[in-house]
Amino acid sequence: YSKFLIRQYLENAHQDIYEAKQLRLAICKKESSEAVG
């Protein structure tokens, strides 16, 4: 995937699950806020 396509995806990530038919969430460590998955 190109960074361009991922940037476009992120720009549309605000759509709710009823509109997008999907929901992707970042899994983050509480201690550091680092995304791990």
PDB file of all heavy atoms in Angstrom:
ATOM      1  N   TYR A   1       0.855  -1.188   0.000  1.00  0.00           N
ATOM      2  CA  TYR A   1       0.000   0.000   0.000  1.00  0.00           C
ATOM      3  C   TYR A   1       0.888   1.235   0.000  1.00  0.00           C
ATOM      4  O   TYR A   1       1.895   1.279   0.713  1.00  0.00           O
ATOM      5  CB  TYR A   1      -0.889   0.038   1.249  1.00  0.00           C
ATOM      6  CG  TYR A   1      -2.064  -0.884   1.192  1.00  0.00           C
ATOM      7  CD1 TYR A   1      -1.958  -2.215   1.602  1.00  0.00           C
ATOM      8  CD2 TYR A   1      -3.298  -0.438   0.731  1.00  0.00           C
ATOM      9  CE1 TYR A   1      -3.050  -3.064   1.554  1.00  0.00           C
ATOM     10  CE2 TYR A   1      -4.392  -1.280   0.678  1.00  0.00           C
ATOM     11  CZ  TYR A   1      -4.258  -2.589   1.091  1.00  0.00           C
ATOM     12  OH  TYR A   1      -5.337  -3.425   1.043  1.00  0.00           O
ATOM     13  N   SER A   2       0.506   2.245  -0.749  1.00  0.00           N
ATOM     14  CA  SER A   2       1.261   3.494  -0.757  1.00  0.00           C
ATOM     15  C   SER A   2       0.830   4.358   0.422  1.00  0.00           C
ATOM     16  O   SER A   2      -0.271   4.199   0.961  1.00  0.00           O
ATOM     17  CB  SER A   2       1.017   4.255  -2.063  1.00  0.00           C
ATOM     18  OG  SER A   2      -0.327   4.732  -2.111  1.00  0.00           O
ATOM     19  N   LYS A   3       1.690   5.297   0.782  1.00  0.00           N
ATOM     20  CA  LYS A   3       1.331   6.252   1.831  1.00  0.00           C
ATOM     21  C   LYS A   3       0.163   7.106   1.371  1.00  0.00           C
ATOM     22  O   LYS A   3      -0.684   7.493   2.176  1.00  0.00           O
ATOM     23  CB  LYS A   3       2.527   7.126   2.206  1.00  0.00           C
ATOM     24  CG  LYS A   3       3.569   6.369   2.999  1.00  0.00           C
ATOM     25  CD  LYS A   3       4.687   7.283   3.441  1.00  0.00           C
ATOM     26  CE  LYS A   3       5.708   6.461   4.220  1.00  0.00           C
ATOM     27  NZ  LYS A   3       6.836   7.283   4.655  1.00  0.00           N
ATOM     28  N   PHE A   4       0.075   7.374   0.081  1.00  0.00           N
ATOM     29  CA  PHE A   4      -1.036   8.152  -0.466  1.00  0.00           C
ATOM     30  C   PHE A   4      -2.365   7.449  -0.183  1.00  0.00           C
ATOM     31  O   PHE A   4      -3.315   8.060   0.295  1.00  0.00           O
ATOM     32  CB  PHE A   4      -0.843   8.356  -1.973  1.00  0.00           C
ATOM     33  CG  PHE A   4      -2.016   9.003  -2.653  1.00  0.00           C
ATOM     34  CD1 PHE A   4      -2.228  10.373  -2.541  1.00  0.00           C
ATOM     35  CD2 PHE A   4      -2.917   8.242  -3.379  1.00  0.00           C
ATOM     36  CE1 PHE A   4      -3.320  10.973  -3.154  1.00  0.00           C
ATOM     37  CE2 PHE A   4      -4.007   8.833  -3.995  1.00  0.00           C
ATOM     38  CZ  PHE A   4      -4.215  10.202  -3.882  1.00  0.00           C
ATOM     39  N   LEU A   5      -2.439   6.140  -0.474  1.00  0.00           N
ATOM     40  CA  LEU A   5      -3.675   5.392  -0.241  1.00  0.00           C
ATOM     41  C   LEU A   5      -4.023   5.312   1.235  1.00  0.00           C
ATOM     42  O   LEU A   5      -5.182   5.432   1.617  1.00  0.00           O
ATOM     43  CB  LEU A   5      -3.577   3.987  -0.829  1.00  0.00           C
ATOM     44  CG  LEU A   5      -3.651   3.882  -2.343  1.00  0.00           C
ATOM     45  CD1 LEU A   5      -3.431   2.449  -2.805  1.00  0.00           C
ATOM     46  CD2 LEU A   5      -4.980   4.402  -2.853  1.00  0.00           C
ATOM     47  N   ILE A   6      -3.019   5.124   2.072  1.00  0.00           N
ATOM     48  CA  ILE A   6      -3.268   5.054   3.513  1.00  0.00           C
ATOM     49  C   ILE A   6      -3.720   6.419   4.037  1.00  0.00           C
ATOM     50  O   ILE A   6      -4.623   6.504   4.864  1.00  0.00           O
ATOM     51  CB  ILE A   6      -2.034   4.520   4.268  1.00  0.00           C
ATOM     52  CG1 ILE A   6      -1.787   3.057   3.845  1.00  0.00           C
ATOM     53  CG2 ILE A   6      -2.211   4.640   5.778  1.00  0.00           C
ATOM     54  CD1 ILE A   6      -0.484   2.483   4.303  1.00  0.00           C
ATOM     55  N   ARG A   7      -3.137   7.490   3.524  1.00  0.00           N
ATOM     56  CA  ARG A   7      -3.560   8.833   3.921  1.00  0.00           C
ATOM     57  C   ARG A   7      -5.025   9.048   3.543  1.00  0.00           C
ATOM     58  O   ARG A   7      -5.810   9.573   4.339  1.00  0.00           O
ATOM     59  CB  ARG A   7      -2.667   9.887   3.270  1.00  0.00           C
ATOM     60  CG  ARG A   7      -2.882  11.282   3.810  1.00  0.00           C
ATOM     61  CD  ARG A   7      -1.880  12.296   3.259  1.00  0.00           C
ATOM     62  NE  ARG A   7      -0.524  12.019   3.740  1.00  0.00           N
ATOM     63  CZ  ARG A   7       0.491  11.605   2.966  1.00  0.00           C
ATOM     64  NH1 ARG A   7       0.311  11.423   1.684  1.00  0.00           N
ATOM     65  NH2 ARG A   7       1.670  11.384   3.489  1.00  0.00           N
ATOM     66  N   GLN A   8      -5.421   8.610   2.337  1.00  0.00           N
ATOM     67  CA  GLN A   8      -6.822   8.720   1.925  1.00  0.00           C
ATOM     68  C   GLN A   8      -7.729   7.907   2.852  1.00  0.00           C
ATOM     69  O   GLN A   8      -8.801   8.364   3.232  1.00  0.00           O
ATOM     70  CB  GLN A   8      -6.999   8.231   0.477  1.00  0.00           C
ATOM     71  CG  GLN A   8      -6.564   9.216  -0.556  1.00  0.00           C
ATOM     72  CD  GLN A   8      -6.897   8.717  -1.943  1.00  0.00           C
ATOM     73  OE1 GLN A   8      -6.700   7.548  -2.279  1.00  0.00           O
ATOM     74  NE2 GLN A   8      -7.424   9.605  -2.767  1.00  0.00           N
ATOM     75  N   TYR A   9      -7.284   6.701   3.193  1.00  0.00           N
ATOM     76  CA  TYR A   9      -8.055   5.863   4.107  1.00  0.00           C
ATOM     77  C   TYR A   9      -8.255   6.583   5.447  1.00  0.00           C
ATOM     78  O   TYR A   9      -9.360   6.617   5.993  1.00  0.00           O
ATOM     79  CB  TYR A   9      -7.349   4.517   4.304  1.00  0.00           C
ATOM     80  CG  TYR A   9      -7.951   3.684   5.400  1.00  0.00           C
ATOM     81  CD1 TYR A   9      -9.143   2.999   5.208  1.00  0.00           C
ATOM     82  CD2 TYR A   9      -7.346   3.608   6.651  1.00  0.00           C
ATOM     83  CE1 TYR A   9      -9.717   2.252   6.226  1.00  0.00           C
ATOM     84  CE2 TYR A   9      -7.907   2.862   7.667  1.00  0.00           C
ATOM     85  CZ  TYR A   9      -9.096   2.197   7.450  1.00  0.00           C
ATOM     86  OH  TYR A   9      -9.651   1.464   8.469  1.00  0.00           O
ATOM     87  N   LEU A  10      -7.172   7.166   5.978  1.00  0.00           N
ATOM     88  CA  LEU A  10      -7.254   7.853   7.262  1.00  0.00           C
ATOM     89  C   LEU A  10      -8.168   9.075   7.185  1.00  0.00           C
ATOM     90  O   LEU A  10      -8.860   9.394   8.151  1.00  0.00           O
ATOM     91  CB  LEU A  10      -5.862   8.258   7.749  1.00  0.00           C
ATOM     92  CG  LEU A  10      -4.989   7.109   8.247  1.00  0.00           C
ATOM     93  CD1 LEU A  10      -3.561   7.578   8.481  1.00  0.00           C
ATOM     94  CD2 LEU A  10      -5.570   6.487   9.497  1.00  0.00           C
ATOM     95  N   GLU A  11      -8.193   9.737   6.039  1.00  0.00           N
ATOM     96  CA  GLU A  11      -9.081  10.893   5.875  1.00  0.00           C
ATOM     97  C   GLU A  11     -10.549  10.479   5.923  1.00  0.00           C
ATOM     98  O   GLU A  11     -11.410  11.279   6.278  1.00  0.00           O
ATOM     99  CB  GLU A  11      -8.774  11.616   4.557  1.00  0.00           C
ATOM    100  CG  GLU A  11      -7.480  12.394   4.602  1.00  0.00           C
ATOM    101  CD  GLU A  11      -7.066  12.956   3.253  1.00  0.00           C
ATOM    102  OE1 GLU A  11      -7.833  12.829   2.272  1.00  0.00           O
ATOM    103  OE2 GLU A  11      -5.965  13.512   3.187  1.00  0.00           O
ATOM    104  N   ASN A  12     -10.839   9.227   5.574  1.00  0.00           N
ATOM    105  CA  ASN A  12     -12.220   8.736   5.602  1.00  0.00           C
ATOM    106  C   ASN A  12     -12.521   7.881   6.828  1.00  0.00           C
ATOM    107  O   ASN A  12     -13.623   7.347   6.947  1.00  0.00           O
ATOM    108  CB  ASN A  12     -12.521   7.929   4.329  1.00  0.00           C
ATOM    109  CG  ASN A  12     -12.531   8.824   3.106  1.00  0.00           C
ATOM    110  OD1 ASN A  12     -13.138   9.874   3.121  1.00  0.00           O
ATOM    111  ND2 ASN A  12     -11.828   8.404   2.070  1.00  0.00           N
ATOM    112  N   ALA A  13     -11.560   7.753   7.729  1.00  0.00           N
ATOM    113  CA  ALA A  13     -11.730   6.906   8.914  1.00  0.00           C
ATOM    114  C   ALA A  13     -12.772   7.460   9.878  1.00  0.00           C
ATOM    115  O   ALA A  13     -13.191   6.762  10.794  1.00  0.00           O
ATOM    116  CB  ALA A  13     -10.393   6.705   9.624  1.00  0.00           C
ATOM    117  N   HIS A  14     -13.201   8.704   9.674  1.00  0.00           N
ATOM    118  CA  HIS A  14     -14.210   9.305  10.539  1.00  0.00           C
ATOM    119  C   HIS A  14     -15.605   8.746  10.285  1.00  0.00           C
ATOM    120  O   HIS A  14     -16.505   8.928  11.098  1.00  0.00           O
ATOM    121  CB  HIS A  14     -14.236  10.820  10.335  1.00  0.00           C
ATOM    122  CG  HIS A  14     -14.703  11.206   8.967  1.00  0.00           C
ATOM    123  ND1 HIS A  14     -13.855  11.206   7.884  1.00  0.00           N
ATOM    124  CD2 HIS A  14     -15.924  11.553   8.505  1.00  0.00           C
ATOM    125  CE1 HIS A  14     -14.549  11.558   6.808  1.00  0.00           C
ATOM    126  NE2 HIS A  14     -15.803  11.777   7.151  1.00  0.00           N
ATOM    127  N   GLN A  15     -15.815   8.058   9.153  1.00  0.00           N
ATOM    128  CA  GLN A  15     -17.131   7.489   8.860  1.00  0.00           C
ATOM    129  C   GLN A  15     -17.505   6.504   9.956  1.00  0.00           C
ATOM    130  O   GLN A  15     -16.665   5.744  10.426  1.00  0.00           O
ATOM    131  CB  GLN A  15     -17.124   6.750   7.520  1.00  0.00           C
ATOM    132  CG  GLN A  15     -16.925   7.634   6.324  1.00  0.00           C
ATOM    133  CD  GLN A  15     -16.873   6.819   5.046  1.00  0.00           C
ATOM    134  OE1 GLN A  15     -16.321   5.736   5.014  1.00  0.00           O
ATOM    135  NE2 GLN A  15     -17.459   7.356   3.989  1.00  0.00           N
ATOM    136  N   ASP A  16     -18.777   6.527  10.345  1.00  0.00           N
ATOM    137  CA  ASP A  16     -19.166   5.578  11.382  1.00  0.00           C
ATOM    138  C   ASP A  16     -19.373   4.192  10.767  1.00  0.00           C
ATOM    139  O   ASP A  16     -19.402   4.026   9.550  1.00  0.00           O
ATOM    140  CB  ASP A  16     -20.368   6.071  12.189  1.00  0.00           C
ATOM    141  CG  ASP A  16     -21.711   5.890  11.509  1.00  0.00           C
ATOM    142  OD1 ASP A  16     -21.795   5.283  10.431  1.00  0.00           O
ATOM    143  OD2 ASP A  16     -22.702   6.358  12.094  1.00  0.00           O
ATOM    144  N   ILE A  17     -19.469   3.214  11.613  1.00  0.00           N
ATOM    145  CA  ILE A  17     -19.526   1.821  11.180  1.00  0.00           C
ATOM    146  C   ILE A  17     -20.753   1.537  10.314  1.00  0.00           C
ATOM    147  O   ILE A  17     -20.706   0.688   9.429  1.00  0.00           O
ATOM    148  CB  ILE A  17     -19.446   0.869  12.395  1.00  0.00           C
ATOM    149  CG1 ILE A  17     -19.219  -0.580  11.927  1.00  0.00           C
ATOM    150  CG2 ILE A  17     -20.676   1.012  13.288  1.00  0.00           C
ATOM    151  CD1 ILE A  17     -18.852  -1.537  13.025  1.00  0.00           C
ATOM    152  N   TYR A  18     -21.820   2.276  10.508  1.00  0.00           N
ATOM    153  CA  TYR A  18     -23.025   2.059   9.714  1.00  0.00           C
ATOM    154  C   TYR A  18     -22.835   2.536   8.275  1.00  0.00           C
ATOM    155  O   TYR A  18     -23.439   2.001   7.357  1.00  0.00           O
ATOM    156  CB  TYR A  18     -24.226   2.751  10.358  1.00  0.00           C
ATOM    157  CG  TYR A  18     -24.595   2.120  11.674  1.00  0.00           C
ATOM    158  CD1 TYR A  18     -24.075   2.597  12.865  1.00  0.00           C
ATOM    159  CD2 TYR A  18     -25.425   1.003  11.712  1.00  0.00           C
ATOM    160  CE1 TYR A  18     -24.384   1.989  14.071  1.00  0.00           C
ATOM    161  CE2 TYR A  18     -25.746   0.394  12.924  1.00  0.00           C
ATOM    162  CZ  TYR A  18     -25.217   0.890  14.089  1.00  0.00           C
ATOM    163  OH  TYR A  18     -25.517   0.282  15.281  1.00  0.00           O
ATOM    164  N   GLU A  19     -21.971   3.514   8.092  1.00  0.00           N
ATOM    165  CA  GLU A  19     -21.687   4.038   6.762  1.00  0.00           C
ATOM    166  C   GLU A  19     -20.554   3.268   6.081  1.00  0.00           C
ATOM    167  O   GLU A  19     -20.663   2.861   4.927  1.00  0.00           O
ATOM    168  CB  GLU A  19     -21.301   5.517   6.894  1.00  0.00           C
ATOM    169  CG  GLU A  19     -21.105   6.243   5.601  1.00  0.00           C
ATOM    170  CD  GLU A  19     -20.772   7.715   5.835  1.00  0.00           C
ATOM    171  OE1 GLU A  19     -20.676   8.164   6.995  1.00  0.00           O
ATOM    172  OE2 GLU A  19     -20.603   8.407   4.825  1.00  0.00           O
ATOM    173  N   ALA A  20     -19.471   3.041   6.809  1.00  0.00           N
ATOM    174  CA  ALA A  20     -18.276   2.407   6.242  1.00  0.00           C
ATOM    175  C   ALA A  20     -18.355   0.885   6.225  1.00  0.00           C
ATOM    176  O   ALA A  20     -17.603   0.236   5.514  1.00  0.00           O
ATOM    177  CB  ALA A  20     -17.046   2.841   7.033  1.00  0.00           C
ATOM    178  N   LYS A  21     -19.224   0.298   7.055  1.00  0.00           N
ATOM    179  CA  LYS A  21     -19.363  -1.156   7.196  1.00  0.00           C
ATOM    180  C   LYS A  21     -18.123  -1.798   7.803  1.00  0.00           C
ATOM    181  O   LYS A  21     -17.928  -3.006   7.734  1.00  0.00           O
ATOM    182  CB  LYS A  21     -19.694  -1.844   5.868  1.00  0.00           C
ATOM    183  CG  LYS A  21     -20.914  -1.279   5.171  1.00  0.00           C
ATOM    184  CD  LYS A  21     -22.156  -1.456   6.007  1.00  0.00           C
ATOM    185  CE  LYS A  21     -23.374  -0.940   5.270  1.00  0.00           C
ATOM    186  NZ  LYS A  21     -24.425  -0.515   6.150  1.00  0.00           N
ATOM    187  N   GLN A  22     -17.292  -0.975   8.418  1.00  0.00           N
ATOM    188  CA  GLN A  22     -16.131  -1.484   9.133  1.00  0.00           C
ATOM    189  C   GLN A  22     -15.702  -0.482  10.188  1.00  0.00           C
ATOM    190  O   GLN A  22     -16.069   0.694  10.128  1.00  0.00           O
ATOM    191  CB  GLN A  22     -14.969  -1.782   8.190  1.00  0.00           C
ATOM    192  CG  GLN A  22     -14.232  -0.561   7.678  1.00  0.00           C
ATOM    193  CD  GLN A  22     -12.982  -0.937   6.902  1.00  0.00           C
ATOM    194  OE1 GLN A  22     -12.993  -1.865   6.106  1.00  0.00           O
ATOM    195  NE2 GLN A  22     -11.907  -0.229   7.129  1.00  0.00           N
ATOM    196  N   LEU A  23     -14.934  -0.974  11.153  1.00  0.00           N
ATOM    197  CA  LEU A  23     -14.391  -0.142  12.213  1.00  0.00           C
ATOM    198  C   LEU A  23     -13.002  -0.658  12.520  1.00  0.00           C
ATOM    199  O   LEU A  23     -12.837  -1.826  12.857  1.00  0.00           O
ATOM    200  CB  LEU A  23     -15.273  -0.214  13.473  1.00  0.00           C
ATOM    201  CG  LEU A  23     -14.731   0.493  14.711  1.00  0.00           C
ATOM    202  CD1 LEU A  23     -14.694   2.007  14.491  1.00  0.00           C
ATOM    203  CD2 LEU A  23     -15.569   0.138  15.932  1.00  0.00           C
ATOM    204  N   ARG A  24     -12.012   0.193  12.370  1.00  0.00           N
ATOM    205  CA  ARG A  24     -10.627  -0.177  12.677  1.00  0.00           C
ATOM    206  C   ARG A  24     -10.163   0.706  13.818  1.00  0.00           C
ATOM    207  O   ARG A  24     -10.279   1.930  13.757  1.00  0.00           O
ATOM    208  CB  ARG A  24      -9.727   0.005  11.464  1.00  0.00           C
ATOM    209  CG  ARG A  24      -8.255  -0.230  11.759  1.00  0.00           C
ATOM    210  CD  ARG A  24      -7.432  -0.214  10.512  1.00  0.00           C
ATOM    211  NE  ARG A  24      -7.397  -1.579   9.986  1.00  0.00           N
ATOM    212  CZ  ARG A  24      -6.615  -1.946   8.993  1.00  0.00           C
ATOM    213  NH1 ARG A  24      -5.852  -1.084   8.371  1.00  0.00           N
ATOM    214  NH2 ARG A  24      -6.613  -3.208   8.596  1.00  0.00           N
ATOM    215  N   LEU A  25      -9.651   0.080  14.879  1.00  0.00           N
ATOM    216  CA  LEU A  25      -9.161   0.798  16.052  1.00  0.00           C
ATOM    217  C   LEU A  25      -7.706   0.448  16.311  1.00  0.00           C
ATOM    218  O   LEU A  25      -7.280  -0.696  16.078  1.00  0.00           O
ATOM    219  CB  LEU A  25      -9.998   0.442  17.283  1.00  0.00           C
ATOM    220  CG  LEU A  25     -11.491   0.756  17.212  1.00  0.00           C
ATOM    221  CD1 LEU A  25     -12.200   0.217  18.440  1.00  0.00           C
ATOM    222  CD2 LEU A  25     -11.733   2.244  17.044  1.00  0.00           C
ATOM    223  N   ALA A  26      -6.970   1.419  16.808  1.00  0.00           N
ATOM    224  CA  ALA A  26      -5.584   1.194  17.212  1.00  0.00           C
ATOM    225  C   ALA A  26      -5.581   0.604  18.616  1.00  0.00           C
ATOM    226  O   ALA A  26      -6.348   1.021  19.483  1.00  0.00           O
ATOM    227  CB  ALA A  26      -4.804   2.497  17.185  1.00  0.00           C
ATOM    228  N   ILE A  27      -4.716  -0.375  18.829  1.00  0.00           N
ATOM    229  CA  ILE A  27      -4.493  -0.967  20.151  1.00  0.00           C
ATOM    230  C   ILE A  27      -3.271  -0.263  20.727  1.00  0.00           C
ATOM    231  O   ILE A  27      -2.187  -0.323  20.149  1.00  0.00           O
ATOM    232  CB  ILE A  27      -4.224  -2.486  20.048  1.00  0.00           C
ATOM    233  CG1 ILE A  27      -5.377  -3.197  19.348  1.00  0.00           C
ATOM    234  CG2 ILE A  27      -3.952  -3.074  21.437  1.00  0.00           C
ATOM    235  CD1 ILE A  27      -5.036  -4.631  18.918  1.00  0.00           C
ATOM    236  N   CYS A  28      -3.443   0.436  21.848  1.00  0.00           N
ATOM    237  CA  CYS A  28      -2.366   1.245  22.412  1.00  0.00           C
ATOM    238  C   CYS A  28      -2.050   0.817  23.844  1.00  0.00           C
ATOM    239  O   CYS A  28      -2.954   0.518  24.626  1.00  0.00           O
ATOM    240  CB  CYS A  28      -2.763   2.719  22.424  1.00  0.00           C
ATOM    241  SG  CYS A  28      -3.107   3.374  20.787  1.00  0.00           S
ATOM    242  N   LYS A  29      -0.757   0.837  24.171  1.00  0.00           N
ATOM    243  CA  LYS A  29      -0.333   0.573  25.546  1.00  0.00           C
ATOM    244  C   LYS A  29      -0.739   1.751  26.416  1.00  0.00           C
ATOM    245  O   LYS A  29      -0.530   2.903  26.047  1.00  0.00           O
ATOM    246  CB  LYS A  29       1.188   0.425  25.623  1.00  0.00           C
ATOM    247  CG  LYS A  29       1.753  -0.782  24.941  1.00  0.00           C
ATOM    248  CD  LYS A  29       3.275  -0.794  25.112  1.00  0.00           C
ATOM    249  CE  LYS A  29       3.928  -1.911  24.347  1.00  0.00           C
ATOM    250  NZ  LYS A  29       5.410  -1.861  24.455  1.00  0.00           N
ATOM    251  N   LYS A  30      -1.316   1.464  27.569  1.00  0.00           N
ATOM    252  CA  LYS A  30      -1.716   2.541  28.486  1.00  0.00           C
ATOM    253  C   LYS A  30      -0.504   3.315  29.000  1.00  0.00           C
ATOM    254  O   LYS A  30      -0.543   4.535  29.092  1.00  0.00           O
ATOM    255  CB  LYS A  30      -2.491   1.972  29.680  1.00  0.00           C
ATOM    256  CG  LYS A  30      -3.975   1.982  29.483  1.00  0.00           C
ATOM    257  CD  LYS A  30      -4.666   1.674  30.789  1.00  0.00           C
ATOM    258  CE  LYS A  30      -6.153   1.883  30.645  1.00  0.00           C
ATOM    259  NZ  LYS A  30      -6.863   1.580  31.871  1.00  0.00           N
ATOM    260  N   GLU A  31       0.564   2.593  29.326  1.00  0.00           N
ATOM    261  CA  GLU A  31       1.724   3.224  29.952  1.00  0.00           C
ATOM    262  C   GLU A  31       2.418   4.246  29.061  1.00  0.00           C
ATOM    263  O   GLU A  31       2.948   5.239  29.544  1.00  0.00           O
ATOM    264  CB  GLU A  31       2.733   2.172  30.404  1.00  0.00           C
ATOM    265  CG  GLU A  31       3.348   1.403  29.245  1.00  0.00           C
ATOM    266  CD  GLU A  31       4.324   0.324  29.669  1.00  0.00           C
ATOM    267  OE1 GLU A  31       4.063  -0.348  30.674  1.00  0.00           O
ATOM    268  OE2 GLU A  31       5.325   0.162  28.960  1.00  0.00           O
ATOM    269  N   SER A  32       2.407   4.017  27.734  1.00  0.00           N
ATOM    270  CA  SER A  32       3.154   4.903  26.842  1.00  0.00           C
ATOM    271  C   SER A  32       2.318   5.506  25.716  1.00  0.00           C
ATOM    272  O   SER A  32       2.829   6.355  24.983  1.00  0.00           O
ATOM    273  CB  SER A  32       4.313   4.127  26.220  1.00  0.00           C
ATOM    274  OG  SER A  32       3.807   3.092  25.379  1.00  0.00           O
ATOM    275  N   SER A  33       1.087   5.077  25.561  1.00  0.00           N
ATOM    276  CA  SER A  33       0.208   5.480  24.453  1.00  0.00           C
ATOM    277  C   SER A  33       0.714   4.995  23.094  1.00  0.00           C
ATOM    278  O   SER A  33       0.193   5.401  22.067  1.00  0.00           O
ATOM    279  CB  SER A  33      -0.009   6.993  24.413  1.00  0.00           C
ATOM    280  OG  SER A  33      -0.650   7.416  25.584  1.00  0.00           O
ATOM    281  N   GLU A  34       1.730   4.136  23.094  1.00  0.00           N
ATOM    282  CA  GLU A  34       2.278   3.594  21.848  1.00  0.00           C
ATOM    283  C   GLU A  34       1.279   2.627  21.215  1.00  0.00           C
ATOM    284  O   GLU A  34       0.744   1.748  21.887  1.00  0.00           O
ATOM    285  CB  GLU A  34       3.585   2.848  22.146  1.00  0.00           C
ATOM    286  CG  GLU A  34       4.143   2.094  20.971  1.00  0.00           C
ATOM    287  CD  GLU A  34       5.241   1.109  21.356  1.00  0.00           C
ATOM    288  OE1 GLU A  34       5.545   0.956  22.562  1.00  0.00           O
ATOM    289  OE2 GLU A  34       5.780   0.472  20.437  1.00  0.00           O
ATOM    290  N   ALA A  35       1.034   2.788  19.917  1.00  0.00           N
ATOM    291  CA  ALA A  35       0.179   1.855  19.183  1.00  0.00           C
ATOM    292  C   ALA A  35       0.975   0.583  18.924  1.00  0.00           C
ATOM    293  O   ALA A  35       2.104   0.634  18.442  1.00  0.00           O
ATOM    294  CB  ALA A  35      -0.283   2.477  17.879  1.00  0.00           C
ATOM    295  N   VAL A  36       0.380  -0.566  19.270  1.00  0.00           N
ATOM    296  CA  VAL A  36       1.060  -1.849  19.093  1.00  0.00           C
ATOM    297  C   VAL A  36       0.339  -2.753  18.093  1.00  0.00           C
ATOM    298  O   VAL A  36       0.881  -3.770  17.673  1.00  0.00           O
ATOM    299  CB  VAL A  36       1.244  -2.602  20.430  1.00  0.00           C
ATOM    300  CG1 VAL A  36       2.165  -1.823  21.359  1.00  0.00           C
ATOM    301  CG2 VAL A  36      -0.090  -2.901  21.091  1.00  0.00           C
ATOM    302  N   GLY A  37      -0.892  -2.395  17.733  1.00  0.00           N
ATOM    303  CA  GLY A  37      -1.630  -3.243  16.810  1.00  0.00           C
ATOM    304  C   GLY A  37      -2.920  -2.591  16.375  1.00  0.00           C
ATOM    305  O   GLY A  37      -3.206  -1.435  16.706  1.00  0.00           O
TER     306      GLY A  37
END
